[in-house]
PDB file of N, CA and C in Angstrom:
ATOM      1  N   MET A   1     -16.235   0.379  -9.624  1.00  0.00           N
ATOM      2  CA  MET A   1     -15.956  -0.829  -8.179  1.00  0.00           C
ATOM      3  C   MET A   1     -16.029  -0.169  -7.151  1.00  0.00           C
ATOM      4  N   LEU A   2     -17.116  -0.578  -6.462  1.00  0.00           N
ATOM      5  CA  LEU A   2     -17.396  -0.184  -5.600  1.00  0.00           C
ATOM      6  C   LEU A   2     -15.872   0.760  -3.946  1.00  0.00           C
ATOM      7  N   LEU A   3     -15.544  -0.243  -3.743  1.00  0.00           N
ATOM      8  CA  LEU A   3     -14.208  -0.290  -3.483  1.00  0.00           C
ATOM      9  C   LEU A   3     -13.108   0.979  -4.233  1.00  0.00           C
ATOM     10  N   LEU A   4     -13.346   1.153  -5.176  1.00  0.00           N
ATOM     11  CA  LEU A   4     -12.459   1.883  -5.818  1.00  0.00           C
ATOM     12  C   LEU A   4     -12.664   3.608  -5.554  1.00  0.00           C
ATOM     13  N   ASP A   5     -13.986   3.939  -5.551  1.00  0.00           N
ATOM     14  CA  ASP A   5     -14.800   4.435  -5.595  1.00  0.00           C
ATOM     15  C   ASP A   5     -14.367   5.392  -4.069  1.00  0.00           C
ATOM     16  N   SER A   6     -14.269   4.663  -3.120  1.00  0.00           N
ATOM     17  CA  SER A   6     -14.283   5.342  -1.897  1.00  0.00           C
ATOM     18  C   SER A   6     -13.124   5.814  -1.528  1.00  0.00           C
ATOM     19  N   ILE A   7     -11.973   5.383  -2.214  1.00  0.00           N
ATOM     20  CA  ILE A   7     -11.199   6.042  -2.364  1.00  0.00           C
ATOM     21  C   ILE A   7     -10.568   7.460  -2.593  1.00  0.00           C
ATOM     22  N   GLU A   8      -9.998   8.647  -1.855  1.00  0.00           N
ATOM     23  CA  GLU A   8      -9.647   9.688  -2.395  1.00  0.00           C
ATOM     24  C   GLU A   8      -8.815   9.974  -2.823  1.00  0.00           C
ATOM     25  N   GLN A   9      -8.762  10.603  -4.323  1.00  0.00           N
ATOM     26  CA  GLN A   9      -7.800  10.341  -4.930  1.00  0.00           C
ATOM     27  C   GLN A   9      -6.425  11.063  -4.711  1.00  0.00           C
ATOM     28  N   GLU A  10      -6.505  12.720  -3.930  1.00  0.00           N
ATOM     29  CA  GLU A  10      -5.897  13.267  -3.538  1.00  0.00           C
ATOM     30  C   GLU A  10      -5.301  13.329  -2.031  1.00  0.00           C
ATOM     31  N   ARG A  11      -6.051  12.295  -1.018  1.00  0.00           N
ATOM     32  CA  ARG A  11      -5.611  12.064  -0.079  1.00  0.00           C
ATOM     33  C   ARG A  11      -4.528  10.729   0.306  1.00  0.00           C
ATOM     34  N   TRP A  12      -3.488  11.613   1.440  1.00  0.00           N
ATOM     35  CA  TRP A  12      -2.423  10.832   1.401  1.00  0.00           C
ATOM     36  C   TRP A  12      -3.045   9.410   2.884  1.00  0.00           C
ATOM     37  N   TYR A  13      -2.585   8.412   2.455  1.00  0.00           N
ATOM     38  CA  TYR A  13      -3.193   7.393   3.322  1.00  0.00           C
ATOM     39  C   TYR A  13      -1.617   6.657   3.753  1.00  0.00           C
ATOM     40  N   SER A  14      -1.721   6.588   5.246  1.00  0.00           N
ATOM     41  CA  SER A  14      -1.023   6.009   5.934  1.00  0.00           C
ATOM     42  C   SER A  14      -0.923   4.123   5.849  1.00  0.00           C
ATOM     43  N   VAL A  15      -0.381   3.797   5.949  1.00  0.00           N
ATOM     44  CA  VAL A  15       0.514   1.828   5.644  1.00  0.00           C
ATOM     45  C   VAL A  15      -1.133   1.505   6.179  1.00  0.00           C
ATOM     46  N   ILE A  16      -0.830   1.779   7.466  1.00  0.00           N
ATOM     47  CA  ILE A  16      -2.491   0.883   8.266  1.00  0.00           C
ATOM     48  C   ILE A  16      -3.705   0.959   7.517  1.00  0.00           C
ATOM     49  N   GLU A  17      -3.885   2.072   6.832  1.00  0.00           N
ATOM     50  CA  GLU A  17      -4.769   2.161   6.370  1.00  0.00           C
ATOM     51  C   GLU A  17      -5.249   1.967   4.997  1.00  0.00           C
ATOM     52  N   VAL A  18      -4.146   2.043   4.024  1.00  0.00           N
ATOM     53  CA  VAL A  18      -4.036   0.752   2.781  1.00  0.00           C
ATOM     54  C   VAL A  18      -4.189  -0.628   3.219  1.00  0.00           C
ATOM     55  N   ALA A  19      -4.063  -0.823   3.901  1.00  0.00           N
ATOM     56  CA  ALA A  19      -3.377  -2.294   4.585  1.00  0.00           C
ATOM     57  C   ALA A  19      -5.364  -2.950   4.880  1.00  0.00           C
ATOM     58  N   GLN A  20      -5.529  -1.846   5.167  1.00  0.00           N
ATOM     59  CA  GLN A  20      -7.049  -2.011   5.920  1.00  0.00           C
ATOM     60  C   GLN A  20      -8.195  -2.036   4.256  1.00  0.00           C
ATOM     61  N   ILE A  21      -7.821  -1.417   3.595  1.00  0.00           N
ATOM     62  CA  ILE A  21      -8.609  -0.770   2.834  1.00  0.00           C
ATOM     63  C   ILE A  21      -8.611  -2.031   1.859  1.00  0.00           C
ATOM     64  N   GLY A  22      -7.591  -2.900   1.746  1.00  0.00           N
ATOM     65  CA  GLY A  22      -7.140  -3.722   0.708  1.00  0.00           C
ATOM     66  C   GLY A  22      -7.636  -4.970   0.996  1.00  0.00           C
ATOM     67  N   GLY A  23      -7.657  -4.994   2.631  1.00  0.00           N
ATOM     68  CA  GLY A  23      -7.438  -6.558   3.274  1.00  0.00           C
ATOM     69  C   GLY A  23      -6.769  -6.904   3.421  1.00  0.00           C
ATOM     70  N   TRP A  24      -5.648  -6.459   3.341  1.00  0.00           N
ATOM     71  CA  TRP A  24      -3.858  -6.935   3.530  1.00  0.00           C
ATOM     72  C   TRP A  24      -3.163  -6.476   4.909  1.00  0.00           C
ATOM     73  N   SER A  25      -2.530  -7.494   5.002  1.00  0.00           N
ATOM     74  CA  SER A  25      -1.805  -7.463   6.820  1.00  0.00           C
ATOM     75  C   SER A  25      -0.710  -5.557   6.077  1.00  0.00           C
ATOM     76  N   GLU A  26      -0.203  -5.167   7.310  1.00  0.00           N
ATOM     77  CA  GLU A  26       0.558  -3.828   7.174  1.00  0.00           C
ATOM     78  C   GLU A  26       2.149  -4.493   6.749  1.00  0.00           C
ATOM     79  N   ASP A  27       2.936  -5.785   7.193  1.00  0.00           N
ATOM     80  CA  ASP A  27       3.937  -6.309   6.399  1.00  0.00           C
ATOM     81  C   ASP A  27       3.946  -6.934   4.675  1.00  0.00           C
ATOM     82  N   VAL A  28       2.288  -7.017   4.328  1.00  0.00           N
ATOM     83  CA  VAL A  28       2.487  -7.291   2.781  1.00  0.00           C
ATOM     84  C   VAL A  28       2.551  -5.422   2.228  1.00  0.00           C
ATOM     85  N   VAL A  29       2.104  -4.775   2.593  1.00  0.00           N
ATOM     86  CA  VAL A  29       2.148  -3.390   1.874  1.00  0.00           C
ATOM     87  C   VAL A  29       3.445  -2.604   1.987  1.00  0.00           C
ATOM     88  N   ARG A  30       4.198  -3.082   2.992  1.00  0.00           N
ATOM     89  CA  ARG A  30       5.673  -2.010   3.508  1.00  0.00           C
ATOM     90  C   ARG A  30       6.323  -3.105   2.281  1.00  0.00           C
ATOM     91  N   ARG A  31       5.929  -4.371   2.199  1.00  0.00           N
ATOM     92  CA  ARG A  31       6.963  -5.456   1.349  1.00  0.00           C
ATOM     93  C   ARG A  31       6.620  -5.080  -0.318  1.00  0.00           C
ATOM     94  N   TRP A  32       5.039  -4.466  -0.071  1.00  0.00           N
ATOM     95  CA  TRP A  32       5.056  -4.021  -1.802  1.00  0.00           C
ATOM     96  C   TRP A  32       5.518  -2.797  -2.352  1.00  0.00           C
ATOM     97  N   ILE A  33       5.746  -1.948  -1.261  1.00  0.00           N
ATOM     98  CA  ILE A  33       6.395  -0.514  -0.991  1.00  0.00           C
ATOM     99  C   ILE A  33       7.607  -0.605  -1.379  1.00  0.00           C
ATOM    100  N   ARG A  34       8.812  -1.719  -0.643  1.00  0.00           N
ATOM    101  CA  ARG A  34       9.893  -1.875  -0.794  1.00  0.00           C
ATOM    102  C   ARG A  34      10.531  -2.526  -2.310  1.00  0.00           C
ATOM    103  N   ARG A  35       9.256  -3.520  -2.733  1.00  0.00           N
ATOM    104  CA  ARG A  35       9.776  -3.701  -4.350  1.00  0.00           C
ATOM    105  C   ARG A  35       9.700  -2.964  -5.438  1.00  0.00           C
ATOM    106  N   GLY A  36       8.751  -1.475  -4.828  1.00  0.00           N
ATOM    107  CA  GLY A  36       8.349  -0.842  -6.084  1.00  0.00           C
ATOM    108  C   GLY A  36       6.920  -1.170  -6.492  1.00  0.00           C
ATOM    109  N   LEU A  37       6.245  -1.852  -6.112  1.00  0.00           N
ATOM    110  CA  LEU A  37       4.752  -1.721  -6.680  1.00  0.00           C
ATOM    111  C   LEU A  37       4.182  -0.593  -6.245  1.00  0.00           C
ATOM    112  N   ILE A  38       4.153  -0.483  -5.386  1.00  0.00           N
ATOM    113  CA  ILE A  38       3.336   0.483  -4.794  1.00  0.00           C
ATOM    114  C   ILE A  38       4.302   2.070  -4.834  1.00  0.00           C
ATOM    115  N   GLU A  39       4.080   2.968  -5.061  1.00  0.00           N
ATOM    116  CA  GLU A  39       5.160   4.411  -4.648  1.00  0.00           C
ATOM    117  C   GLU A  39       4.728   4.816  -3.531  1.00  0.00           C
ATOM    118  N   ALA A  40       5.953   5.063  -2.634  1.00  0.00           N
ATOM    119  CA  ALA A  40       5.086   5.854  -1.607  1.00  0.00           C
ATOM    120  C   ALA A  40       5.820   7.290  -1.104  1.00  0.00           C
ATOM    121  N   PHE A  41       5.844   7.848  -0.631  1.00  0.00           N
ATOM    122  CA  PHE A  41       6.422   8.869   0.290  1.00  0.00           C
ATOM    123  C   PHE A  41       6.921   8.673   1.706  1.00  0.00           C
ATOM    124  N   ILE A  42       8.094   8.426   1.640  1.00  0.00           N
ATOM    125  CA  ILE A  42       8.822   8.285   3.084  1.00  0.00           C
ATOM    126  C   ILE A  42       9.786   9.274   3.800  1.00  0.00           C
ATOM    127  N   GLN A  43       9.672   9.595   4.716  1.00  0.00           N
ATOM    128  CA  GLN A  43       9.720  10.953   5.287  1.00  0.00           C
ATOM    129  C   GLN A  43      10.504  10.166   6.776  1.00  0.00           C
ATOM    130  N   PRO A  44      11.906  10.042   6.887  1.00  0.00           N
ATOM    131  CA  PRO A  44      12.299   9.667   7.953  1.00  0.00           C
ATOM    132  C   PRO A  44      12.046  10.894   9.260  1.00  0.00           C
ATOM    133  N   GLY A  45      12.375  10.276  10.153  1.00  0.00           N
ATOM    134  CA  GLY A  45      12.339  11.274  11.339  1.00  0.00           C
ATOM    135  C   GLY A  45      12.743   9.950  12.607  1.00  0.00           C
ATOM    136  N   THR A  46      13.132  10.790  13.616  1.00  0.00           N
ATOM    137  CA  THR A  46      13.942  10.108  14.316  1.00  0.00           C
ATOM    138  C   THR A  46      13.287  10.779  15.952  1.00  0.00           C
ATOM    139  N   ARG A  47      12.932  10.181  17.229  1.00  0.00           N
ATOM    140  CA  ARG A  47      12.579  10.272  18.493  1.00  0.00           C
ATOM    141  C   ARG A  47      13.756  10.917  19.143  1.00  0.00           C
ATOM    142  N   LYS A  48      13.560  12.060  20.109  1.00  0.00           N
ATOM    143  CA  LYS A  48      14.915  12.405  21.159  1.00  0.00           C
ATOM    144  C   LYS A  48      15.243  11.272  21.861  1.00  0.00           C
ATOM    145  N   ARG A  49      14.330  10.535  22.635  1.00  0.00           N
ATOM    146  CA  ARG A  49      14.493   9.581  23.564  1.00  0.00           C
ATOM    147  C   ARG A  49      15.287   8.640  22.649  1.00  0.00           C
ATOM    148  N   ARG A  50      14.889   8.087  22.171  1.00  0.00           N
ATOM    149  CA  ARG A  50      15.163   6.812  21.101  1.00  0.00           C
ATOM    150  C   ARG A  50      15.999   7.130  20.235  1.00  0.00           C
ATOM    151  N   ARG A  51      17.242   6.459  19.982  1.00  0.00           N
ATOM    152  CA  ARG A  51      18.260   6.592  18.893  1.00  0.00           C
ATOM    153  C   ARG A  51      17.902   5.680  17.573  1.00  0.00           C
ATOM    154  N   ARG A  52      16.637   4.698  17.466  1.00  0.00           N
ATOM    155  CA  ARG A  52      15.754   4.177  16.627  1.00  0.00           C
ATOM    156  C   ARG A  52      15.132   5.404  15.609  1.00  0.00           C
ATOM    157  N   VAL A  53      15.602   5.026  13.919  1.00  0.00           N
ATOM    158  CA  VAL A  53      15.227   6.172  13.315  1.00  0.00           C
ATOM    159  C   VAL A  53      13.868   5.734  12.797  1.00  0.00           C
ATOM    160  N   TYR A  54      12.414   6.229  13.094  1.00  0.00           N
ATOM    161  CA  TYR A  54      11.367   5.757  12.245  1.00  0.00           C
ATOM    162  C   TYR A  54      10.929   6.301  11.459  1.00  0.00           C
ATOM    163  N   CYS A  55      10.366   6.061  10.264  1.00  0.00           N
ATOM    164  CA  CYS A  55       9.492   6.110   8.753  1.00  0.00           C
ATOM    165  C   CYS A  55       8.231   6.699   9.174  1.00  0.00           C
ATOM    166  N   SER A  56       7.947   8.162   8.405  1.00  0.00           N
ATOM    167  CA  SER A  56       6.620   7.742   8.211  1.00  0.00           C
ATOM    168  C   SER A  56       6.264   7.710   6.760  1.00  0.00           C
ATOM    169  N   VAL A  57       5.354   6.819   6.316  1.00  0.00           N
ATOM    170  CA  VAL A  57       4.768   6.087   4.759  1.00  0.00           C
ATOM    171  C   VAL A  57       4.066   6.568   4.512  1.00  0.00           C
ATOM    172  N   ARG A  58       3.626   7.278   3.410  1.00  0.00           N
ATOM    173  CA  ARG A  58       2.121   8.048   3.155  1.00  0.00           C
ATOM    174  C   ARG A  58       2.173   7.458   1.693  1.00  0.00           C
ATOM    175  N   ILE A  59       0.798   6.659   1.478  1.00  0.00           N
ATOM    176  CA  ILE A  59       0.698   6.611  -0.277  1.00  0.00           C
ATOM    177  C   ILE A  59      -0.442   7.703  -0.588  1.00  0.00           C
ATOM    178  N   GLN A  60      -0.446   7.803  -1.691  1.00  0.00           N
ATOM    179  CA  GLN A  60      -1.406   8.640  -2.595  1.00  0.00           C
ATOM    180  C   GLN A  60      -2.898   7.719  -3.037  1.00  0.00           C
ATOM    181  N   GLY A  61      -3.688   8.379  -2.490  1.00  0.00           N
ATOM    182  CA  GLY A  61      -5.029   7.716  -3.263  1.00  0.00           C
ATOM    183  C   GLY A  61      -5.141   7.351  -4.604  1.00  0.00           C
ATOM    184  N   CYS A  62      -4.513   8.176  -5.513  1.00  0.00           N
ATOM    185  CA  CYS A  62      -4.364   7.880  -6.619  1.00  0.00           C
ATOM    186  C   CYS A  62      -3.152   6.881  -7.070  1.00  0.00           C
ATOM    187  N   GLU A  63      -2.583   6.705  -5.979  1.00  0.00           N
ATOM    188  CA  GLU A  63      -1.632   5.428  -6.153  1.00  0.00           C
ATOM    189  C   GLU A  63      -2.142   3.840  -5.912  1.00  0.00           C
ATOM    190  N   ILE A  64      -3.077   3.935  -4.882  1.00  0.00           N
ATOM    191  CA  ILE A  64      -3.859   2.946  -4.462  1.00  0.00           C
ATOM    192  C   ILE A  64      -4.742   2.670  -5.612  1.00  0.00           C
ATOM    193  N   ALA A  65      -5.093   3.462  -6.281  1.00  0.00           N
ATOM    194  CA  ALA A  65      -6.094   3.139  -7.117  1.00  0.00           C
ATOM    195  C   ALA A  65      -5.725   2.603  -8.130  1.00  0.00           C
ATOM    196  N   ARG A  66      -4.426   3.291  -8.523  1.00  0.00           N
ATOM    197  CA  ARG A  66      -3.480   2.503 -10.024  1.00  0.00           C
ATOM    198  C   ARG A  66      -3.302   0.928  -9.868  1.00  0.00           C
ATOM    199  N   PHE A  67      -2.698   0.899  -8.175  1.00  0.00           N
ATOM    200  CA  PHE A  67      -2.143  -0.508  -7.814  1.00  0.00           C
ATOM    201  C   PHE A  67      -3.364  -1.186  -7.875  1.00  0.00           C
ATOM    202  N   MET A  68      -4.327  -1.362  -7.686  1.00  0.00           N
ATOM    203  CA  MET A  68      -5.777  -2.285  -7.549  1.00  0.00           C
ATOM    204  C   MET A  68      -6.273  -2.331  -8.762  1.00  0.00           C
ATOM    205  N   LYS A  69      -6.300  -1.280  -9.705  1.00  0.00           N
ATOM    206  CA  LYS A  69      -7.094  -1.866 -10.993  1.00  0.00           C
ATOM    207  C   LYS A  69      -5.731  -2.501 -11.729  1.00  0.00           C
ATOM    208  N   MET A  70      -4.932  -1.898 -11.737  1.00  0.00           N
ATOM    209  CA  MET A  70      -3.220  -3.005 -12.362  1.00  0.00           C
ATOM    210  C   MET A  70      -3.528  -4.708 -11.862  1.00  0.00           C
ATOM    211  N   HIS A  71      -3.465  -4.296 -10.840  1.00  0.00           N
ATOM    212  CA  HIS A  71      -3.132  -5.647  -9.913  1.00  0.00           C
ATOM    213  C   HIS A  71      -4.921  -7.010  -9.747  1.00  0.00           C
ATOM    214  N   LEU A  72      -5.812  -6.002  -9.253  1.00  0.00           N
ATOM    215  CA  LEU A  72      -7.010  -6.808  -9.447  1.00  0.00           C
ATOM    216  C   LEU A  72      -7.854  -7.084 -10.673  1.00  0.00           C
ATOM    217  N   SER A  73      -7.237  -6.137 -11.905  1.00  0.00           N
ATOM    218  CA  SER A  73      -7.707  -6.616 -13.186  1.00  0.00           C
ATOM    219  C   SER A  73      -7.528  -7.882 -13.572  1.00  0.00           C
ATOM    220  N   LYS A  74      -6.640  -8.402 -12.786  1.00  0.00           N
ATOM    221  CA  LYS A  74      -5.823  -9.541 -13.694  1.00  0.00           C
ATOM    222  C   LYS A  74      -5.814 -11.087 -12.757  1.00  0.00           C
ATOM    223  N   VAL A  75      -7.055 -11.071 -11.716  1.00  0.00           N
ATOM    224  CA  VAL A  75      -7.281 -11.903 -10.996  1.00  0.00           C
ATOM    225  C   VAL A  75      -7.811 -13.289 -11.767  1.00  0.00           C
ATOM    226  N   ASP A  76      -7.794 -14.269 -11.762  1.00  0.00           N
ATOM    227  CA  ASP A  76      -7.575 -15.608 -12.290  1.00  0.00           C
ATOM    228  C   ASP A  76      -8.338 -16.420 -11.248  1.00  0.00           C
ATOM    229  N   GLY A  77      -9.369 -17.305 -11.927  1.00  0.00           N
ATOM    230  CA  GLY A  77      -9.802 -18.346 -10.691  1.00  0.00           C
ATOM    231  C   GLY A  77      -8.655 -19.146  -9.890  1.00  0.00           C
ATOM    232  N   GLU A  78      -7.265 -19.446 -10.280  1.00  0.00           N
ATOM    233  CA  GLU A  78      -6.674 -20.449  -9.706  1.00  0.00           C
ATOM    234  C   GLU A  78      -5.997 -19.698  -8.587  1.00  0.00           C
ATOM    235  N   ARG A  79      -5.575 -18.601  -9.404  1.00  0.00           N
ATOM    236  CA  ARG A  79      -4.518 -17.890  -7.677  1.00  0.00           C
ATOM    237  C   ARG A  79      -5.106 -16.989  -7.205  1.00  0.00           C
ATOM    238  N   SER A  80      -4.516 -16.780  -6.054  1.00  0.00           N
ATOM    239  CA  SER A  80      -5.072 -15.439  -5.137  1.00  0.00           C
ATOM    240  C   SER A  80      -3.991 -14.347  -5.585  1.00  0.00           C
ATOM    241  N   PHE A  81      -4.819 -13.323  -5.395  1.00  0.00           N
ATOM    242  CA  PHE A  81      -3.998 -11.752  -5.242  1.00  0.00           C
ATOM    243  C   PHE A  81      -2.921 -11.503  -4.693  1.00  0.00           C
ATOM    244  N   SER A  82      -2.461 -12.267  -3.576  1.00  0.00           N
ATOM    245  CA  SER A  82      -1.435 -11.790  -3.376  1.00  0.00           C
ATOM    246  C   SER A  82       0.393 -13.325  -3.464  1.00  0.00           C
ATOM    247  N   ARG A  83      -0.805 -14.103  -3.969  1.00  0.00           N
ATOM    248  CA  ARG A  83       0.172 -15.414  -4.770  1.00  0.00           C
ATOM    249  C   ARG A  83       0.879 -15.054  -5.473  1.00  0.00           C
ATOM    250  N   ARG A  84       0.543 -13.998  -6.639  1.00  0.00           N
ATOM    251  CA  ARG A  84       1.140 -13.650  -7.670  1.00  0.00           C
ATOM    252  C   ARG A  84       1.593 -12.564  -7.626  1.00  0.00           C
ATOM    253  N   LEU A  85       1.446 -11.775  -6.525  1.00  0.00           N
ATOM    254  CA  LEU A  85       2.449 -10.646  -6.249  1.00  0.00           C
ATOM    255  C   LEU A  85       3.677 -10.832  -5.528  1.00  0.00           C
ATOM    256  N   GLN A  86       4.074 -12.100  -5.005  1.00  0.00           N
ATOM    257  CA  GLN A  86       5.121 -12.488  -4.541  1.00  0.00           C
ATOM    258  C   GLN A  86       5.794 -13.547  -5.562  1.00  0.00           C
ATOM    259  N   ARG A  87       5.572 -13.223  -6.773  1.00  0.00           N
ATOM    260  CA  ARG A  87       6.629 -13.776  -7.571  1.00  0.00           C
ATOM    261  C   ARG A  87       7.390 -12.780  -7.914  1.00  0.00           C
TER     262      ARG A  87
END
């Protein structure tokens, strides 16, 4: 699969980059991370001016490849990829 060949296994990707690779929205990728479908490294951080806590989320390339192989190999004609994952 050409898409999987372009993913560097040892590189850490941001949520934005993963969304662009798969053609999904950032919200969908974050939802999959919260559900445990994609394993991610989450590093909390804070800003000096604001009280809001920001999180830096990174996904390793091998995890993206694993996720795509596991879920894209089961695609059938009727259901879309995202609909199957929402169950």
